[in-house]
Amino acid sequence: MAEDSSHRMTGPVAGDMTLLLVDDDSPFRQRLARAMEKRGFAVTDVETVAEGLDAARHGQPPAYAVVDLRLADGSGLDVVEALRSARPDMRIVMLTGYGNIATAVAAIKAGAVDYLPKPADADAVEAALLDHKEALPPPPDDPMSADRVRWEHIQRVFQQCDRNVSETARRLKMHRRTLQRILNKRAPRP
């Protein structure tokens, strides 16, 4: 692992802190971009697979990347593979609101060095990007409650189904009335 950090210091740009953010959730992406800029990264943010692939194939690939798993126009895994091909020493973190073992394994196989659940805070993202150990970053001090994670997931699927309650209920494998009750409640505390 020391080889990676020494390569970064002697590469074409000493102290390369370039970061590519690929996420279709604009408010989250912009918030994370600002936070990472405050931490010294030179951030480029895009929202589609096509833009992520373009960033990987043209110009100087960044030293770091944060990629959402599910994007409006496809899978973030395609972006991870292209980025890894463009720059093998790049540190890539995969974000997702749909965490499960299979997608975590797929992300790591594609070339990500870590896998974080959304919404991840900037401290966790920075730790995952800069930590060159194989260990996971420490758990967050104030993680979201399980109820809040569930509510966020339901809201995202509801938005992806164009706010169609019946279709959302079918995809979440729950009764339509149960879903309606959940949607009519306020968001649980984080």
C-alpha atoms as a PDB file:
ATOM      1  CA  MET A   1       0.000   0.000   0.000  1.00  0.00           C
ATOM      2  CA  ALA A   2       2.928   2.357   0.553  1.00  0.00           C
ATOM      3  CA  GLU A   3       3.590   1.999  -3.172  1.00  0.00           C
ATOM      4  CA  ASP A   4       0.286   3.759  -3.931  1.00  0.00           C
ATOM      5  CA  SER A   5       1.111   6.802  -1.801  1.00  0.00           C
ATOM      6  CA  SER A   6       4.672   7.045  -3.134  1.00  0.00           C
ATOM      7  CA  HIS A   7       3.314   6.810  -6.693  1.00  0.00           C
ATOM      8  CA  ARG A   8       0.969   9.700  -5.973  1.00  0.00           C
ATOM      9  CA  MET A   9       3.797  11.861  -4.691  1.00  0.00           C
ATOM     10  CA  THR A  10       6.094  11.215  -7.671  1.00  0.00           C
ATOM     11  CA  GLY A  11       3.392  11.160 -10.367  1.00  0.00           C
ATOM     12  CA  PRO A  12       2.824  13.902 -12.950  1.00  0.00           C
ATOM     13  CA  VAL A  13       1.037  16.093 -10.394  1.00  0.00           C
ATOM     14  CA  ALA A  14       2.491  16.008  -6.873  1.00  0.00           C
ATOM     15  CA  GLY A  15      -0.200  15.754  -4.187  1.00  0.00           C
ATOM     16  CA  ASP A  16      -2.896  14.885  -6.741  1.00  0.00           C
ATOM     17  CA  MET A  17      -6.197  15.537  -4.950  1.00  0.00           C
ATOM     18  CA  THR A  18      -8.483  15.425  -8.000  1.00  0.00           C
ATOM     19  CA  LEU A  19     -11.893  13.912  -7.313  1.00  0.00           C
ATOM     20  CA  LEU A  20     -14.728  12.880  -9.621  1.00  0.00           C
ATOM     21  CA  LEU A  21     -18.242  12.657  -8.113  1.00  0.00           C
ATOM     22  CA  VAL A  22     -20.829  10.733 -10.124  1.00  0.00           C
ATOM     23  CA  ASP A  23     -24.315  10.889  -8.589  1.00  0.00           C
ATOM     24  CA  ASP A  24     -27.750  11.716 -10.012  1.00  0.00           C
ATOM     25  CA  ASP A  25     -29.017  13.133  -6.700  1.00  0.00           C
ATOM     26  CA  SER A  26     -28.109  16.785  -7.398  1.00  0.00           C
ATOM     27  CA  PRO A  27     -28.569  18.236  -3.879  1.00  0.00           C
ATOM     28  CA  PHE A  28     -26.526  15.419  -2.318  1.00  0.00           C
ATOM     29  CA  ARG A  29     -23.836  15.624  -5.029  1.00  0.00           C
ATOM     30  CA  GLN A  30     -23.474  19.403  -4.708  1.00  0.00           C
ATOM     31  CA  ARG A  31     -23.355  19.243  -0.900  1.00  0.00           C
ATOM     32  CA  LEU A  32     -20.704  16.516  -1.008  1.00  0.00           C
ATOM     33  CA  ALA A  33     -18.711  18.422  -3.659  1.00  0.00           C
ATOM     34  CA  ARG A  34     -18.590  21.541  -1.476  1.00  0.00           C
ATOM     35  CA  ALA A  35     -17.575  19.516   1.581  1.00  0.00           C
ATOM     36  CA  MET A  36     -14.815  17.710  -0.310  1.00  0.00           C
ATOM     37  CA  GLU A  37     -13.506  20.999  -1.753  1.00  0.00           C
ATOM     38  CA  LYS A  38     -13.200  22.296   1.819  1.00  0.00           C
ATOM     39  CA  ARG A  39     -11.065  19.229   2.540  1.00  0.00           C
ATOM     40  CA  GLY A  40      -8.624  20.118  -0.254  1.00  0.00           C
ATOM     41  CA  PHE A  41      -9.964  18.132  -3.206  1.00  0.00           C
ATOM     42  CA  ALA A  42     -10.304  19.595  -6.713  1.00  0.00           C
ATOM     43  CA  VAL A  43     -13.811  18.291  -7.482  1.00  0.00           C
ATOM     44  CA  THR A  44     -15.537  17.594 -10.786  1.00  0.00           C
ATOM     45  CA  ASP A  45     -19.132  16.461 -10.390  1.00  0.00           C
ATOM     46  CA  VAL A  46     -21.348  14.808 -12.999  1.00  0.00           C
ATOM     47  CA  GLU A  47     -24.722  13.106 -12.806  1.00  0.00           C
ATOM     48  CA  THR A  48     -24.867  10.407 -15.499  1.00  0.00           C
ATOM     49  CA  VAL A  49     -23.065   7.242 -16.532  1.00  0.00           C
ATOM     50  CA  ALA A  50     -22.322   8.864 -19.900  1.00  0.00           C
ATOM     51  CA  GLU A  51     -20.643  11.868 -18.247  1.00  0.00           C
ATOM     52  CA  GLY A  52     -18.706   9.572 -15.914  1.00  0.00           C
ATOM     53  CA  LEU A  53     -17.469   7.462 -18.836  1.00  0.00           C
ATOM     54  CA  ASP A  54     -16.503  10.641 -20.697  1.00  0.00           C
ATOM     55  CA  ALA A  55     -14.483  11.838 -17.685  1.00  0.00           C
ATOM     56  CA  ALA A  56     -12.723   8.458 -17.540  1.00  0.00           C
ATOM     57  CA  ARG A  57     -11.842   8.358 -21.240  1.00  0.00           C
ATOM     58  CA  HIS A  58     -10.910  11.973 -21.977  1.00  0.00           C
ATOM     59  CA  GLY A  59      -8.372  14.188 -20.326  1.00  0.00           C
ATOM     60  CA  GLN A  60      -6.473  13.414 -17.154  1.00  0.00           C
ATOM     61  CA  PRO A  61      -8.318  10.818 -15.017  1.00  0.00           C
ATOM     62  CA  PRO A  62      -8.702  11.922 -11.386  1.00  0.00           C
ATOM     63  CA  ALA A  63      -6.841  10.357  -8.469  1.00  0.00           C
ATOM     64  CA  TYR A  64     -10.097   9.686  -6.592  1.00  0.00           C
ATOM     65  CA  ALA A  65     -13.730   8.979  -7.468  1.00  0.00           C
ATOM     66  CA  VAL A  66     -17.031   8.603  -5.645  1.00  0.00           C
ATOM     67  CA  VAL A  67     -19.657   6.848  -7.746  1.00  0.00           C
ATOM     68  CA  ASP A  68     -23.312   6.121  -7.021  1.00  0.00           C
ATOM     69  CA  LEU A  69     -24.334   2.554  -7.861  1.00  0.00           C
ATOM     70  CA  ARG A  70     -27.682   3.349  -9.480  1.00  0.00           C
ATOM     71  CA  LEU A  71     -27.791   6.280 -11.848  1.00  0.00           C
ATOM     72  CA  ALA A  72     -30.666   7.497 -14.006  1.00  0.00           C
ATOM     73  CA  ASP A  73     -29.039   6.224 -17.217  1.00  0.00           C
ATOM     74  CA  GLY A  74     -27.465   2.991 -15.969  1.00  0.00           C
ATOM     75  CA  SER A  75     -25.134   1.352 -13.479  1.00  0.00           C
ATOM     76  CA  GLY A  76     -22.289   3.091 -11.705  1.00  0.00           C
ATOM     77  CA  LEU A  77     -20.360  -0.195 -11.977  1.00  0.00           C
ATOM     78  CA  ASP A  78     -19.729   0.662 -15.649  1.00  0.00           C
ATOM     79  CA  VAL A  79     -18.172   3.961 -14.572  1.00  0.00           C
ATOM     80  CA  VAL A  80     -16.030   2.222 -11.935  1.00  0.00           C
ATOM     81  CA  GLU A  81     -14.671  -0.236 -14.519  1.00  0.00           C
ATOM     82  CA  ALA A  82     -13.870   2.572 -16.997  1.00  0.00           C
ATOM     83  CA  LEU A  83     -12.178   4.656 -14.297  1.00  0.00           C
ATOM     84  CA  ARG A  84     -10.132   1.662 -13.117  1.00  0.00           C
ATOM     85  CA  SER A  85      -8.999   1.021 -16.714  1.00  0.00           C
ATOM     86  CA  ALA A  86      -8.074   4.680 -17.235  1.00  0.00           C
ATOM     87  CA  ARG A  87      -6.070   4.925 -14.018  1.00  0.00           C
ATOM     88  CA  PRO A  88      -5.296   1.690 -12.153  1.00  0.00           C
ATOM     89  CA  ASP A  89      -4.056   3.491  -9.003  1.00  0.00           C
ATOM     90  CA  MET A  90      -7.303   5.485  -8.611  1.00  0.00           C
ATOM     91  CA  ARG A  91      -9.127   5.081  -5.297  1.00  0.00           C
ATOM     92  CA  ILE A  92     -12.846   4.658  -5.965  1.00  0.00           C
ATOM     93  CA  VAL A  93     -15.632   4.585  -3.391  1.00  0.00           C
ATOM     94  CA  MET A  94     -19.059   3.248  -4.367  1.00  0.00           C
ATOM     95  CA  LEU A  95     -22.157   4.842  -2.794  1.00  0.00           C
ATOM     96  CA  THR A  96     -25.618   3.352  -2.759  1.00  0.00           C
ATOM     97  CA  GLY A  97     -28.977   3.662  -1.113  1.00  0.00           C
ATOM     98  CA  TYR A  98     -29.593  -0.022  -1.884  1.00  0.00           C
ATOM     99  CA  GLY A  99     -26.933  -1.800   0.123  1.00  0.00           C
ATOM    100  CA  ASN A 100     -26.683  -5.563   0.019  1.00  0.00           C
ATOM    101  CA  ILE A 101     -23.910  -8.135  -0.086  1.00  0.00           C
ATOM    102  CA  ALA A 102     -24.192  -8.891  -3.813  1.00  0.00           C
ATOM    103  CA  THR A 103     -23.827  -5.270  -4.909  1.00  0.00           C
ATOM    104  CA  ALA A 104     -20.969  -4.689  -2.447  1.00  0.00           C
ATOM    105  CA  VAL A 105     -19.103  -7.667  -3.930  1.00  0.00           C
ATOM    106  CA  ALA A 106     -19.805  -6.435  -7.478  1.00  0.00           C
ATOM    107  CA  ALA A 107     -18.484  -2.957  -6.602  1.00  0.00           C
ATOM    108  CA  ILE A 108     -15.263  -4.342  -5.139  1.00  0.00           C
ATOM    109  CA  LYS A 109     -14.774  -6.679  -8.115  1.00  0.00           C
ATOM    110  CA  ALA A 110     -15.280  -3.744 -10.502  1.00  0.00           C
ATOM    111  CA  GLY A 111     -12.478  -1.866  -8.753  1.00  0.00           C
ATOM    112  CA  ALA A 112     -13.946   0.120  -5.870  1.00  0.00           C
ATOM    113  CA  VAL A 113     -11.858   0.200  -2.695  1.00  0.00           C
ATOM    114  CA  ASP A 114     -14.854   0.744  -0.412  1.00  0.00           C
ATOM    115  CA  TYR A 115     -18.633   0.704  -0.398  1.00  0.00           C
ATOM    116  CA  LEU A 116     -20.672   3.200   1.661  1.00  0.00           C
ATOM    117  CA  PRO A 117     -24.440   3.476   2.214  1.00  0.00           C
ATOM    118  CA  LYS A 118     -26.153   6.723   1.196  1.00  0.00           C
ATOM    119  CA  PRO A 119     -26.424   9.298   2.422  1.00  0.00           C
ATOM    120  CA  ALA A 120     -22.767   9.113   3.431  1.00  0.00           C
ATOM    121  CA  ASP A 121     -21.242  12.118   5.136  1.00  0.00           C
ATOM    122  CA  ALA A 122     -18.095  13.819   3.863  1.00  0.00           C
ATOM    123  CA  ASP A 123     -16.011  12.525   6.786  1.00  0.00           C
ATOM    124  CA  ALA A 124     -16.811   8.908   5.918  1.00  0.00           C
ATOM    125  CA  VAL A 125     -16.134   9.524   2.216  1.00  0.00           C
ATOM    126  CA  GLU A 126     -12.814  11.235   2.944  1.00  0.00           C
ATOM    127  CA  ALA A 127     -11.771   8.430   5.302  1.00  0.00           C
ATOM    128  CA  ALA A 128     -12.621   5.798   2.686  1.00  0.00           C
ATOM    129  CA  LEU A 129     -10.737   7.659  -0.049  1.00  0.00           C
ATOM    130  CA  LEU A 130      -7.604   8.456   1.944  1.00  0.00           C
ATOM    131  CA  ASP A 131      -7.340   5.385   4.176  1.00  0.00           C
ATOM    132  CA  HIS A 132      -4.807   3.136   2.508  1.00  0.00           C
ATOM    133  CA  LYS A 133      -5.290   0.325   4.999  1.00  0.00           C
ATOM    134  CA  GLU A 134      -7.516  -2.600   4.172  1.00  0.00           C
ATOM    135  CA  ALA A 135      -9.667  -1.994   7.272  1.00  0.00           C
ATOM    136  CA  LEU A 136     -13.055  -0.332   7.098  1.00  0.00           C
ATOM    137  CA  PRO A 137     -13.405   3.245   8.332  1.00  0.00           C
ATOM    138  CA  PRO A 138     -14.722   3.614  11.892  1.00  0.00           C
ATOM    139  CA  PRO A 139     -18.491   3.624  12.326  1.00  0.00           C
ATOM    140  CA  PRO A 140     -20.179   7.037  12.222  1.00  0.00           C
ATOM    141  CA  ASP A 141     -20.690   8.816  15.543  1.00  0.00           C
ATOM    142  CA  ASP A 142     -24.340   9.514  14.777  1.00  0.00           C
ATOM    143  CA  PRO A 143     -25.647   6.962  12.232  1.00  0.00           C
ATOM    144  CA  MET A 144     -29.139   7.227  10.779  1.00  0.00           C
ATOM    145  CA  SER A 145     -31.789   5.213  12.542  1.00  0.00           C
ATOM    146  CA  ALA A 146     -33.055   2.069  10.848  1.00  0.00           C
ATOM    147  CA  ASP A 147     -36.470   3.743  10.494  1.00  0.00           C
ATOM    148  CA  ARG A 148     -34.886   6.700   8.698  1.00  0.00           C
ATOM    149  CA  VAL A 149     -32.900   4.422   6.344  1.00  0.00           C
ATOM    150  CA  ARG A 150     -36.112   2.520   5.528  1.00  0.00           C
ATOM    151  CA  TRP A 151     -38.019   5.772   4.946  1.00  0.00           C
ATOM    152  CA  GLU A 152     -35.247   7.136   2.647  1.00  0.00           C
ATOM    153  CA  HIS A 153     -35.285   3.917   0.624  1.00  0.00           C
ATOM    154  CA  ILE A 154     -39.079   3.983   0.231  1.00  0.00           C
ATOM    155  CA  GLN A 155     -38.992   7.649  -0.824  1.00  0.00           C
ATOM    156  CA  ARG A 156     -36.325   6.989  -3.446  1.00  0.00           C
ATOM    157  CA  VAL A 157     -38.198   4.036  -4.972  1.00  0.00           C
ATOM    158  CA  PHE A 158     -41.404   6.123  -4.909  1.00  0.00           C
ATOM    159  CA  GLN A 159     -39.627   8.904  -6.853  1.00  0.00           C
ATOM    160  CA  GLN A 160     -38.156   6.403  -9.323  1.00  0.00           C
ATOM    161  CA  CYS A 161     -41.656   5.032  -9.958  1.00  0.00           C
ATOM    162  CA  ASP A 162     -42.844   8.555 -10.872  1.00  0.00           C
ATOM    163  CA  ARG A 163     -44.735   8.807  -7.554  1.00  0.00           C
ATOM    164  CA  ASN A 164     -47.010   5.904  -8.552  1.00  0.00           C
ATOM    165  CA  VAL A 165     -48.135   4.296  -5.279  1.00  0.00           C
ATOM    166  CA  SER A 166     -49.312   1.013  -6.808  1.00  0.00           C
ATOM    167  CA  GLU A 167     -46.093   0.469  -8.775  1.00  0.00           C
ATOM    168  CA  THR A 168     -43.951   1.416  -5.778  1.00  0.00           C
ATOM    169  CA  ALA A 169     -45.874  -0.980  -3.526  1.00  0.00           C
ATOM    170  CA  ARG A 170     -45.439  -3.783  -6.066  1.00  0.00           C
ATOM    171  CA  ARG A 171     -41.694  -3.203  -6.337  1.00  0.00           C
ATOM    172  CA  LEU A 172     -41.260  -2.979  -2.561  1.00  0.00           C
ATOM    173  CA  LYS A 173     -43.422  -6.072  -2.122  1.00  0.00           C
ATOM    174  CA  MET A 174     -45.764  -4.374   0.336  1.00  0.00           C
ATOM    175  CA  HIS A 175     -49.473  -3.689   0.457  1.00  0.00           C
ATOM    176  CA  ARG A 176     -50.528  -0.459  -1.243  1.00  0.00           C
ATOM    177  CA  ARG A 177     -52.389   0.798   1.842  1.00  0.00           C
ATOM    178  CA  THR A 178     -49.374   0.166   4.059  1.00  0.00           C
ATOM    179  CA  LEU A 179     -47.239   2.168   1.649  1.00  0.00           C
ATOM    180  CA  GLN A 180     -49.788   4.993   1.617  1.00  0.00           C
ATOM    181  CA  ARG A 181     -49.701   5.172   5.423  1.00  0.00           C
ATOM    182  CA  ILE A 182     -45.886   5.335   5.376  1.00  0.00           C
ATOM    183  CA  LEU A 183     -45.869   8.026   2.690  1.00  0.00           C
ATOM    184  CA  ASN A 184     -48.384  10.151   4.639  1.00  0.00           C
ATOM    185  CA  LYS A 185     -46.210  10.179   7.778  1.00  0.00           C
ATOM    186  CA  ARG A 186     -43.377  12.595   8.405  1.00  0.00           C
ATOM    187  CA  ALA A 187     -39.816  11.467   7.975  1.00  0.00           C
ATOM    188  CA  PRO A 188     -38.409   9.739  11.070  1.00  0.00           C
ATOM    189  CA  ARG A 189     -35.605  11.488  12.931  1.00  0.00           C
ATOM    190  CA  PRO A 190     -32.127  10.746  11.578  1.00  0.00           C
END
